[in-house]
Amino acid sequence: MEFLKDLGIVGFWFFLIKGILWLILFGCLYFGFIDSEKFSKIQDKMSFFKRKPKNDKHTNL
C-alpha cells in the first residue's frame, strides 16, 4: 500500500511540474520570447504519441 502512495505522490509532482513548464512555454510564446516555428519544434519533441498519416490510396474514395 505504501508503494501506491509513493506512486501517487510522484505522479502528482510529475504532472504539476509538466503543467508549470507548459504554462511557462505558452507565456514565452505570448510575450514574444520565442517564435511560433521554435514553439512547434519544441511541441513536436515533447509529444510522445505521434499519429502517422495514412498513405493508403483506398481511403480517399
Foldseek 3Di string as FASTA:
>chain_A
DVVVVVVVVVVVVVVVVVVVVVVVLVVCPVVVVDDPVVVVVVVVVPDDDDDDDDPDPVVPD
